[in-house]
Protein backbone atom coordinates (compact mmCIF):
# COMPACT_ATOMS: atom_id res chain seq x y z
CA MET A 1 37.60 43.97 23.25
CA ASN A 2 40.37 46.50 22.83
CA ARG A 3 43.00 46.30 25.53
CA SER A 4 45.56 49.08 25.94
CA ARG A 5 49.15 47.89 25.82
CA ALA A 6 51.09 49.09 28.83
CA LEU A 7 54.44 47.36 28.77
CA LEU A 8 56.37 47.40 32.02
CA ALA A 9 60.05 46.83 32.64
CA ALA A 10 61.00 44.31 35.30
CA GLY A 11 61.82 45.98 38.58
CA ALA A 12 63.55 45.07 41.79
CA VAL A 13 61.70 47.11 44.41
CA ALA A 14 61.39 45.06 47.62
CA ALA A 15 59.05 45.47 50.56
CA LEU A 16 58.48 43.56 53.79
CA VAL A 17 54.88 42.78 54.70
CA ALA A 18 53.83 41.64 58.17
CA PRO A 19 50.26 40.38 58.71
CA LEU A 20 48.15 41.29 61.71
CA ALA A 21 46.26 38.60 63.63
CA ILE A 22 42.61 39.59 63.92
CA GLY A 23 41.06 36.48 65.37
CA THR A 24 41.06 32.76 65.91
CA SER A 25 39.05 30.00 64.31
CA SER A 26 35.45 30.75 63.47
CA ALA A 27 32.46 28.92 64.88
CA ALA A 28 32.47 26.83 61.72
CA THR A 29 35.25 24.59 62.98
CA THR A 30 37.46 23.74 65.93
CA SER A 31 40.27 22.23 63.84
CA THR A 32 43.88 23.31 63.98
CA PHE A 33 43.91 24.48 60.36
CA GLY A 34 44.98 28.12 60.22
CA TYR A 35 45.78 30.60 57.44
CA THR A 36 47.43 34.00 57.21
CA SER A 37 46.59 36.65 54.60
CA TYR A 38 49.29 38.96 53.23
CA PRO A 39 48.66 42.01 51.01
CA VAL A 40 50.60 41.78 47.75
CA GLY A 41 50.44 45.43 46.73
CA ILE A 42 48.54 45.04 43.47
CA ASN A 43 44.87 45.22 42.50
CA GLY A 44 42.51 43.22 40.34
CA GLY A 45 40.44 40.08 40.00
CA GLU A 46 41.70 36.75 38.67
CA PRO A 47 45.08 36.80 40.43
CA GLY A 48 47.37 33.87 39.59
CA ILE A 49 49.98 32.12 41.72
CA GLY A 50 52.79 29.63 41.13
CA TYR A 51 55.50 28.21 43.37
CA ASP A 52 59.15 27.70 42.41
CA ILE A 53 60.56 24.90 44.59
CA LYS A 54 64.19 25.60 43.71
CA ALA A 55 63.93 29.27 44.67
CA ASP A 56 61.55 28.58 47.59
CA ALA A 57 59.43 31.46 46.32
CA ALA A 58 55.90 32.09 45.13
CA LEU A 59 55.21 34.15 42.02
CA TYR A 60 52.01 36.19 41.83
CA THR A 61 50.38 38.10 38.97
CA GLY A 62 47.23 40.10 38.36
CA PRO A 63 45.47 42.03 35.58
CA ASP A 64 47.33 45.27 36.25
CA ALA A 65 50.42 43.86 34.49
CA GLU A 66 52.56 43.32 37.58
CA THR A 67 54.31 40.13 38.71
CA LYS A 68 55.68 39.76 42.24
CA ARG A 69 58.10 37.26 43.79
CA LEU A 70 57.09 36.43 47.37
CA THR A 71 59.30 34.86 50.03
CA TRP A 72 58.71 34.33 53.75
CA ASP A 73 60.84 34.59 56.87
CA ASP A 74 59.53 31.93 59.25
CA THR A 75 61.84 32.93 62.10
CA THR A 76 59.14 35.42 63.12
CA ASN A 77 55.64 34.51 64.32
CA PRO A 78 53.66 35.16 62.26
CA ALA A 79 56.04 34.95 59.32
CA THR A 80 56.90 38.13 57.42
CA MET A 81 56.73 38.28 53.65
CA LYS A 82 59.16 39.99 51.25
CA ILE A 83 57.90 41.31 47.92
CA VAL A 84 60.09 41.85 44.85
CA ASP A 85 58.76 43.23 41.56
CA VAL A 86 59.77 40.85 38.73
CA THR A 87 57.34 41.97 36.02
CA PRO A 88 58.27 40.76 32.50
CA SER A 89 58.25 43.27 29.65
CA THR A 90 55.51 41.34 27.84
CA SER A 91 52.95 41.88 30.62
CA ILE A 92 50.06 44.22 29.90
CA THR A 93 46.98 45.46 31.68
CA SER A 94 44.45 42.80 30.74
CA LEU A 95 41.33 40.99 31.88
CA ASP A 96 42.94 37.54 31.69
CA PRO A 97 46.20 37.17 33.61
CA ILE A 98 47.38 33.56 33.89
CA MET A 99 50.31 32.19 35.89
CA PHE A 100 51.62 28.63 35.97
CA THR A 101 54.76 27.08 37.49
CA ASP A 102 55.80 23.55 36.53
CA GLN A 103 57.16 22.25 39.84
CA GLN A 104 59.13 19.52 38.06
CA THR A 105 61.19 22.01 36.06
CA ASN A 106 60.54 25.23 38.03
CA ARG A 107 59.66 27.06 34.81
CA THR A 108 57.07 29.79 35.40
CA PHE A 109 54.79 31.22 32.71
CA VAL A 110 53.02 34.59 32.82
CA SER A 111 50.33 35.08 30.17
CA HIS A 112 48.17 38.12 29.46
CA LEU A 113 45.41 37.95 26.87
CA TYR A 114 46.05 40.32 23.96
CA LEU A 115 43.58 40.49 21.06
CA ALA A 116 42.95 36.86 20.06
CA CYS A 117 46.24 35.49 21.40
CA SER A 118 48.36 36.16 24.50
CA LEU A 119 51.58 37.94 25.38
CA THR A 120 53.53 35.32 27.32
CA SER A 121 56.97 35.01 28.89
CA PHE A 122 58.60 32.26 30.92
CA SER A 123 61.30 32.28 33.58
CA ASP A 124 63.61 29.57 34.91
CA ASP A 125 64.95 31.67 37.81
CA ALA A 126 61.85 32.84 39.69
CA GLY A 127 61.48 35.99 37.62
CA GLU A 128 65.07 37.26 37.57
CA THR A 129 65.03 36.92 33.77
CA TRP A 130 62.25 36.25 31.27
CA THR A 131 62.08 34.78 27.76
CA PRO A 132 59.23 35.91 25.47
CA SER A 133 57.09 33.15 23.99
CA GLU A 134 54.98 32.81 20.86
CA GLY A 135 52.10 33.13 23.28
CA CYS A 136 49.51 30.75 21.86
CA GLY A 137 48.80 28.11 19.29
CA PRO A 138 48.30 29.53 15.77
CA ASP A 139 44.64 28.48 15.71
CA VAL A 140 43.83 28.52 19.43
CA LEU A 141 41.51 31.48 19.95
CA LEU A 142 39.97 33.63 21.57
CA ASP A 143 39.47 34.17 25.27
CA HIS A 144 39.76 32.79 28.81
CA GLN A 145 43.12 31.17 28.15
CA THR A 146 44.93 28.70 30.37
CA ILE A 147 48.50 27.38 30.41
CA GLY A 148 49.69 24.16 32.03
CA GLY A 149 52.39 21.57 31.65
CA GLY A 150 53.93 18.37 32.88
CA PRO A 151 55.41 15.04 31.78
CA TYR A 152 54.57 13.37 28.52
CA PRO A 153 52.54 10.15 28.70
CA GLU A 154 53.92 6.83 27.56
CA GLY A 155 54.38 6.86 23.81
CA ALA A 156 55.46 10.49 23.73
CA PRO A 157 55.67 12.14 20.29
CA PRO A 158 59.08 12.02 18.56
CA THR A 159 59.49 15.79 19.00
CA ALA A 160 59.30 15.53 22.80
CA GLY A 161 62.38 16.85 24.55
CA LEU A 162 64.43 17.54 21.44
CA THR A 163 65.22 21.08 22.58
CA GLY A 164 66.30 19.93 26.03
CA TYR A 165 63.13 20.85 27.92
CA PRO A 166 61.70 17.58 29.25
CA ASN A 167 57.99 18.37 29.68
CA ALA A 168 55.04 19.26 27.51
CA VAL A 169 53.39 22.69 27.75
CA TYR A 170 49.73 23.23 26.80
CA TYR A 171 47.82 26.40 25.88
CA CYS A 172 44.01 26.33 25.67
CA ALA A 173 41.39 29.01 24.94
CA GLN A 174 37.67 29.17 24.18
CA ASN A 175 36.36 30.45 20.86
CA GLY A 176 32.71 31.09 21.74
CA PHE A 177 31.61 27.50 21.14
CA SER A 178 34.41 25.13 22.06
CA GLY A 179 37.76 24.97 23.79
CA THR A 180 40.89 24.23 21.77
CA CYS A 181 44.31 23.22 23.09
CA ALA A 182 47.77 23.32 21.49
CA ARG A 183 50.95 21.60 22.72
CA SER A 184 54.49 22.96 22.84
CA ASP A 185 57.44 20.57 22.60
CA ASP A 186 60.09 23.25 23.14
CA GLY A 187 59.19 24.38 26.64
CA GLY A 188 56.51 26.88 25.66
CA GLN A 189 58.57 28.83 23.14
CA THR A 190 56.29 27.85 20.22
CA PHE A 191 53.07 25.85 19.91
CA GLY A 192 51.73 23.40 17.36
CA PRO A 193 48.22 23.32 15.89
CA GLY A 194 45.22 23.19 18.18
CA THR A 195 42.87 20.29 18.84
CA PRO A 196 39.28 20.79 20.07
CA ALA A 197 38.91 19.50 23.62
CA TYR A 198 35.11 19.31 23.52
CA ASN A 199 32.02 20.07 21.39
CA THR A 200 33.17 18.35 18.22
CA PRO A 201 32.33 14.79 17.06
CA ALA A 202 35.94 13.76 17.68
CA ASN A 203 35.34 14.27 21.41
CA GLY A 204 33.02 11.29 21.69
CA ALA A 205 29.54 12.11 20.35
CA PRO A 206 27.88 14.18 17.60
CA ASP A 207 27.77 17.14 20.01
CA GLY A 208 31.23 16.39 21.41
CA GLY A 209 29.96 16.35 24.96
CA ALA A 210 27.52 19.27 24.79
CA CYS A 211 29.73 21.42 27.04
CA SER A 212 29.80 25.04 28.10
CA ALA A 213 32.15 27.14 25.98
CA ILE A 214 34.03 28.14 29.13
CA HIS A 215 36.59 25.89 30.78
CA GLY A 216 38.84 26.13 33.87
CA HIS A 217 42.61 25.80 34.34
CA ILE A 218 44.37 22.92 32.62
CA ARG A 219 46.52 20.56 34.72
CA VAL A 220 48.86 17.70 33.80
CA ALA A 221 49.20 14.67 36.08
CA PRO A 222 52.54 12.98 36.86
CA ASP A 223 51.64 10.16 34.43
CA GLY A 224 51.16 12.68 31.59
CA THR A 225 47.35 12.64 31.55
CA VAL A 226 45.96 16.10 30.75
CA TYR A 227 42.77 17.41 32.39
CA LEU A 228 40.73 20.43 31.25
CA PRO A 229 37.82 21.07 33.67
CA ASN A 230 34.45 22.27 32.37
CA LYS A 231 31.54 23.57 34.44
CA GLY A 232 28.84 21.82 32.41
CA CYS A 233 28.67 19.04 29.81
CA GLY A 234 25.72 16.98 28.58
CA GLY A 235 23.35 19.94 28.46
CA VAL A 236 20.56 20.99 26.11
CA PRO A 237 21.54 23.04 23.01
CA THR A 238 20.83 26.77 23.21
CA VAL A 239 21.89 29.95 21.41
CA ASN A 240 21.91 32.17 24.49
CA ASN A 241 24.71 34.44 25.68
CA LEU A 242 25.28 36.04 22.29
CA THR A 243 28.68 34.85 21.03
CA ASN A 244 28.77 31.85 23.37
CA SER A 245 26.63 29.14 21.78
CA GLU A 246 26.35 27.11 24.93
CA PHE A 247 24.36 24.20 26.28
CA PHE A 248 21.90 24.62 29.15
CA GLY A 249 22.33 22.45 32.23
CA GLY A 250 24.46 19.33 32.22
CA ALA A 251 27.07 18.30 34.78
CA PRO A 252 30.60 19.41 35.64
CA ALA A 253 33.14 17.34 33.68
CA VAL A 254 36.78 16.97 32.80
CA SER A 255 37.93 16.71 29.21
CA VAL A 256 40.79 14.22 29.35
CA SER A 257 43.70 13.54 27.00
CA GLU A 258 45.85 10.46 27.52
CA ASP A 259 47.93 10.97 24.37
CA ALA A 260 49.57 14.38 24.88
CA GLY A 261 46.65 16.44 23.61
CA GLN A 262 46.07 14.62 20.33
CA THR A 263 42.58 13.40 21.33
CA TRP A 264 40.20 14.33 24.13
CA ALA A 265 37.31 12.56 25.88
CA VAL A 266 34.62 14.32 27.95
CA ARG A 267 33.99 12.63 31.34
CA PRO A 268 31.19 14.17 33.49
CA VAL A 269 30.46 13.51 37.16
CA PRO A 270 27.19 11.59 37.69
CA GLY A 271 24.89 13.36 40.12
CA ALA A 272 26.59 16.75 39.70
CA HIS A 273 24.82 19.92 38.52
CA ASN A 274 25.88 22.96 36.49
CA GLN A 275 24.66 26.43 37.47
CA ASP A 276 26.63 28.03 34.61
CA GLU A 277 28.74 30.31 36.81
CA SER A 278 32.20 29.54 38.25
CA ASP A 279 34.89 27.47 36.56
CA PRO A 280 35.60 24.12 38.25
CA SER A 281 39.10 22.99 39.29
CA VAL A 282 41.07 19.72 39.13
CA SER A 283 44.21 18.33 40.76
CA PHE A 284 45.76 14.92 41.64
CA ASP A 285 47.82 13.44 44.45
CA LYS A 286 50.99 11.33 44.34
CA ALA A 287 48.94 8.13 44.17
CA GLY A 288 47.19 9.30 41.01
CA THR A 289 43.82 10.06 42.60
CA VAL A 290 42.03 12.89 40.78
CA TYR A 291 40.22 15.55 42.86
CA PHE A 292 37.60 17.58 41.00
CA GLY A 293 35.78 20.48 42.72
CA TRP A 294 32.96 22.66 41.41
CA GLU A 295 30.06 25.00 42.26
CA ASP A 296 27.01 22.73 42.31
CA GLY A 297 23.61 24.29 41.63
CA VAL A 298 20.56 24.22 39.38
CA ASN A 299 19.00 26.99 37.31
CA PRO A 300 15.24 26.47 36.76
CA SER A 301 15.55 27.71 33.17
CA GLU A 302 17.87 29.54 30.80
CA THR A 303 16.56 32.89 32.05
CA VAL A 304 15.80 32.07 35.69
CA TYR A 305 18.80 31.65 37.98
CA GLY A 306 19.05 29.36 40.99
CA THR A 307 19.03 30.72 44.53
CA THR A 308 21.46 28.30 46.19
CA SER A 309 24.68 26.47 45.37
CA ALA A 310 27.20 24.28 47.19
CA ALA A 311 30.91 23.52 46.98
CA LYS A 312 31.14 19.87 45.96
CA ILE A 313 34.08 17.62 45.16
CA SER A 314 34.53 14.12 43.79
CA THR A 315 37.47 11.77 43.27
CA SER A 316 38.48 9.33 40.54
CA SER A 317 41.17 6.66 40.34
CA ASP A 318 40.72 5.91 36.62
CA HIS A 319 41.26 9.27 34.88
CA GLY A 320 37.65 10.38 35.36
CA LYS A 321 35.96 7.34 33.84
CA THR A 322 34.20 6.76 37.16
CA TRP A 323 33.71 9.12 40.10
CA SER A 324 32.97 8.92 43.81
CA LYS A 325 29.70 10.31 45.13
CA PRO A 326 29.99 14.13 45.28
CA TYR A 327 30.90 15.45 48.73
CA ASP A 328 29.35 18.73 49.92
CA VAL A 329 31.99 20.64 51.90
CA SER A 330 30.02 23.88 52.40
CA SER A 331 26.37 23.35 53.35
CA ALA A 332 27.09 22.00 56.86
CA LEU A 333 28.61 25.41 57.69
CA GLY A 334 25.35 27.19 56.85
CA LEU A 335 26.61 28.41 53.47
CA HIS A 336 23.98 28.69 50.76
CA ASN A 337 25.96 30.12 47.83
CA VAL A 338 29.56 29.59 46.70
CA GLN A 339 31.90 30.73 43.92
CA PHE A 340 35.51 30.31 42.73
CA PRO A 341 36.33 26.65 43.54
CA GLU A 342 40.08 25.86 43.50
CA VAL A 343 41.69 22.45 44.16
CA ILE A 344 45.28 21.34 44.87
CA ALA A 345 46.64 17.98 46.09
CA GLY A 346 49.87 16.58 47.52
CA ASP A 347 50.77 13.21 48.99
CA ALA A 348 48.45 10.23 48.62
CA GLY A 349 45.06 11.05 50.12
CA ARG A 350 45.81 14.72 50.83
CA ALA A 351 44.10 17.61 49.05
CA ALA A 352 42.72 21.11 49.69
CA PHE A 353 39.61 22.69 48.17
CA SER A 354 39.07 26.45 48.50
CA PHE A 355 36.09 28.60 47.57
CA ILE A 356 34.29 31.76 48.66
CA GLY A 357 30.93 31.27 50.32
CA THR A 358 28.04 33.11 51.95
CA PRO A 359 25.01 32.25 54.10
CA GLY A 360 22.94 34.48 51.80
CA ILE A 361 20.10 32.83 49.89
CA GLY A 362 19.05 34.20 46.52
CA ASP A 363 20.20 34.83 42.98
CA ASP A 364 23.78 36.06 43.47
CA GLN A 365 24.04 37.03 39.79
CA HIS A 366 21.57 39.91 40.09
CA VAL A 367 21.40 43.28 41.82
CA GLY A 368 19.65 42.97 45.17
CA PHE A 369 21.39 39.84 46.43
CA VAL A 370 22.29 40.17 50.13
CA GLY A 371 25.22 38.18 51.46
CA GLU A 372 28.61 38.46 53.17
CA TRP A 373 31.26 36.32 51.47
CA HIS A 374 34.33 34.76 53.13
CA LEU A 375 37.17 32.61 51.82
CA TYR A 376 37.00 28.96 52.94
CA VAL A 377 39.41 26.04 52.70
CA ALA A 378 38.39 22.38 52.99
CA THR A 379 41.06 19.71 53.50
CA THR A 380 41.05 15.92 53.25
CA LEU A 381 43.72 13.59 54.63
CA ASP A 382 41.95 10.35 53.66
CA GLY A 383 41.49 10.56 49.91
CA GLY A 384 38.23 12.50 49.97
CA ASN A 385 36.28 10.29 52.37
CA THR A 386 36.04 13.15 54.87
CA TRP A 387 36.76 16.89 54.66
CA THR A 388 37.40 19.60 57.26
CA THR A 389 36.31 23.10 56.20
CA VAL A 390 37.42 26.36 57.86
CA ASP A 391 36.69 30.03 57.37
CA ALA A 392 40.12 31.32 56.35
CA THR A 393 39.13 35.01 56.60
CA PRO A 394 37.03 35.21 59.81
CA GLY A 395 35.79 38.69 60.56
CA ASN A 396 37.09 39.92 57.22
CA PRO A 397 34.59 39.54 54.34
CA VAL A 398 36.00 39.41 50.81
CA GLN A 399 32.76 40.60 49.15
CA ARG A 400 29.29 41.89 49.96
CA GLY A 401 26.28 41.50 47.73
CA CYS A 402 26.25 40.00 44.25
CA ILE A 403 29.23 38.66 42.27
CA SER A 404 28.96 39.14 38.51
CA LEU A 405 29.93 36.15 36.41
CA GLN A 406 27.53 37.08 33.61
CA GLY A 407 28.80 40.34 32.15
CA THR A 408 27.00 43.12 30.35
CA SER A 409 26.03 41.04 27.30
CA ASN A 410 23.25 39.43 29.36
CA LYS A 411 21.55 42.76 30.01
CA THR A 412 18.48 42.97 27.79
CA VAL A 413 15.20 44.85 27.77
CA LEU A 414 13.83 41.95 29.78
CA ASP A 415 16.70 41.78 32.28
CA ASP A 416 18.67 44.91 33.13
CA LEU A 417 19.47 43.90 36.71
CA ILE A 418 22.47 41.65 36.09
CA CYS A 419 24.93 42.17 38.95
CA ASP A 420 26.91 45.39 38.54
CA GLN A 421 29.83 44.18 40.72
CA ARG A 422 32.29 42.69 38.22
CA ASN A 423 35.24 43.44 40.51
CA LEU A 424 36.39 39.87 41.24
CA LEU A 425 36.17 38.67 37.62
CA ASP A 426 36.17 34.86 37.21
CA PHE A 427 38.45 32.92 39.56
CA ASN A 428 41.14 32.71 42.24
CA ASP A 429 44.18 30.40 42.12
CA ILE A 430 45.86 27.84 44.39
CA THR A 431 49.16 25.97 44.71
CA VAL A 432 51.34 24.21 47.29
CA ASP A 433 54.85 24.99 48.52
CA LYS A 434 57.77 22.60 48.99
CA VAL A 435 56.73 21.43 52.46
CA GLY A 436 53.04 21.11 51.60
CA ARG A 437 51.58 24.44 52.73
CA VAL A 438 48.53 25.61 50.83
CA LEU A 439 49.05 28.97 49.05
CA MET A 440 46.17 30.88 47.49
CA SER A 441 45.87 34.05 45.44
CA TYR A 442 42.62 35.95 45.91
CA ALA A 443 41.13 39.39 45.46
CA ASP A 444 39.38 41.12 48.36
CA GLY A 445 36.50 43.27 47.16
CA CYS A 446 35.43 44.41 50.63
CA GLU A 447 37.96 46.80 52.14
CA GLY A 448 37.52 49.87 54.31
CA ALA A 449 33.91 50.71 55.22
CA CYS A 450 32.69 47.59 53.44
CA SER A 451 34.29 45.42 56.13
CA THR A 452 31.76 46.56 58.74
CA ASP A 453 28.92 48.21 56.80
CA LEU A 454 26.26 45.57 56.14
CA LYS A 455 24.69 47.73 53.44
CA SER A 456 27.92 48.43 51.60
CA GLY A 457 28.58 47.02 48.18
CA SER A 458 31.89 45.80 46.79
CA ARG A 459 33.72 47.60 44.00
CA GLY A 460 37.44 47.11 44.65
CA ALA A 461 39.73 44.10 44.30
CA LYS A 462 42.90 44.23 46.43
CA ASP A 463 45.13 41.22 46.02
CA TYR A 464 46.26 38.95 48.83
CA VAL A 465 48.07 35.67 49.20
CA LEU A 466 46.66 33.22 51.75
CA ARG A 467 49.34 31.03 53.34
CA GLN A 468 48.72 28.05 55.60
CA SER A 469 50.01 28.79 59.09
CA SER A 470 48.93 25.73 61.09
CA GLY A 471 47.50 22.26 60.73
CA PRO A 472 48.29 19.13 58.68
CA LEU A 473 50.16 19.75 55.44
CA LEU A 474 49.53 18.33 51.99
CA TYR A 475 52.87 16.52 52.30
CA ALA A 476 52.76 14.04 55.17
CA ALA A 477 56.33 14.75 56.26
CA ALA A 478 58.92 17.42 55.63
CA PRO A 479 60.46 16.73 52.19
CA THR A 480 63.74 14.85 52.06
CA ALA A 481 65.76 13.23 49.30
CA ALA A 482 63.69 10.09 49.92
CA ASN A 483 60.39 11.99 50.07
CA PRO A 484 60.41 14.97 47.66
CA PRO A 485 57.28 16.86 46.63
CA ALA A 486 55.39 15.18 43.81
CA GLY A 487 57.56 15.21 40.69
CA ALA A 488 60.04 17.67 42.15
CA PRO A 489 63.78 17.54 42.84
CA PRO A 490 64.73 17.29 46.54
CA PRO A 491 64.54 20.74 48.15
CA GLN A 492 67.64 22.35 49.61
CA ALA A 493 67.96 22.43 53.38
CA PRO A 494 66.87 25.75 54.98
CA PRO A 495 69.62 28.06 56.22
CA ALA A 496 70.75 27.80 59.82
CA GLY A 497 68.28 29.44 62.14
CA GLY A 498 65.61 29.63 59.44
CA GLY A 499 63.10 27.22 58.03
CA THR A 500 59.55 26.45 59.06
CA PRO A 501 58.50 25.26 62.52
CA GLN A 502 56.94 21.83 62.22
CA SER A 503 55.56 19.17 64.48
CA PRO A 504 55.69 15.46 63.62
CA GLY A 505 53.45 14.09 60.89
CA GLY A 506 53.58 16.99 58.47
CA ASN A 507 51.87 19.60 60.63
CA LEU A 508 52.73 23.27 60.98
CA ALA A 509 52.97 24.50 64.55
CA ALA A 510 49.59 25.99 65.46
CA THR A 511 49.49 29.79 65.28
CA GLY A 512 45.75 30.34 64.90
CA ILE A 513 43.81 31.65 61.94
CA GLU A 514 45.00 35.08 60.95
CA ALA A 515 44.14 37.60 58.28
CA GLY A 516 46.29 40.45 57.06
CA ILE A 517 45.69 44.14 56.58
CA PRO A 518 47.62 46.35 54.18
CA ALA A 519 50.99 47.55 55.39
CA ALA A 520 51.46 50.03 52.52
CA ALA A 521 49.37 51.84 49.94
CA PHE A 522 48.19 49.82 46.96
CA LEU A 523 48.55 50.77 43.32
CA LEU A 524 45.42 52.03 41.61
CA LEU A 525 44.08 50.10 38.67
CA GLY A 526 44.97 51.63 35.33
CA ALA A 527 42.22 53.30 33.40
CA ALA A 528 42.60 50.67 30.71
CA LEU A 529 41.38 47.87 33.00
CA VAL A 530 37.70 47.52 32.31
CA LEU A 531 36.12 45.20 34.85
CA VAL A 532 32.81 44.83 33.06
CA ARG A 533 32.95 42.91 29.81
CA ARG A 534 30.89 40.68 27.66
CA ARG A 535 30.24 37.31 29.20
CA ARG A 536 33.80 35.96 29.06
CA ALA A 537 33.72 35.81 25.26
CA ALA A 538 35.40 39.14 24.54
């Protein structure tokens, strides 16, 4: 797909955004978990978020080629947010914006897909300055890229750290059949050759795991193990979806590398199901427990879509070789369809799992689906044994009707009713700040009349950041020199009179569940942003 190149210079225009409380906890829960939504001032699906511990700031990007630095003043209740434009010159209007911050080094990457590679820059000062990168591995093509990084495993390659940057950086993309990943040993400036992460004999079987061509966001654990989540492996071969030679069915899996990306092994979750829609998500806590969340559902056939799905999550203590029984965090709330699972973890036993969900029953990939979608967050404090799920946007739907994850390439003479609402694209994003608050980037497709009109559809995508405002944190206590965030340097003390109100045991003072409304006009999407594309293989 041709993508117009609209290079933007970094700016320094600041704005203060104050949210408006519109309600308290929904009937779904009586917990103290609360969240506040803040408008970011940009538009588009697939927004990305990272958090720079040193700067105590979040960085946020979207497909309209803008990057924002977000900081909060917690002396007010609710907190107010400051926005500064820090867009790198390499950013373009694209369908695949990716953001990643390595919280060990505080290096942030912004990547925008361009032709078969990406235009990428990284910053070591929360966006004040940017350094252009090679962008991708020389043979890592084509689409749906992801960037991640972290420590090297034991037995690191001899090139590790020679340029002074201590961690490995990985770039992966799908080529229509498989996913390939390349490693950088100079902090993301350049990348070596790619290695297939699944669907080749080297990945463990003649079919290399029989995985979907589409994978989720790569993450690197503190011990250097690399995880690339995949929505379905172990399926039946098929030639559907045009350029994506995929496999039908199978189970959500992680492709795991324990040798810095040189080899990969596919490790599915027993008892899990692949509905061939949303990307799954993976994270890990300080104790090394892996948390893997996905959209669980079954399609009756390659051409008949399922009518229900659930947000399920499983844990592993041995790099995905064995898994706990999947835990359903959505069905007890009366939700019958879910999308966009995102997982982040903190201290031992603590993790958060977000998704959008609806009580609507039916095929949400086709025109005619009826359902009001909200953003939910589930949290565990006991290693995944139990989860508490809340509606983080009560009274404020983020979408109505269908959500297209199929694209126009699936429209045939036999099926011309594929969902025409491609506004949210493929995923949201999630991270954690220095004290353990959950931060999420998401696009709201239901603004204005859509918020109250049950018959309205969703066409827009206005970007928000969801920030935890009350309840237990993902870090059990406020960070100190003796208890820093996982893999991070000790945070600096907050200025006098500032900081975040906390109660003992790593809880934010309860302020209720809140959702924001725009405080200023949003930028319109550029004409070059085409929200409908071939099924994620363009």
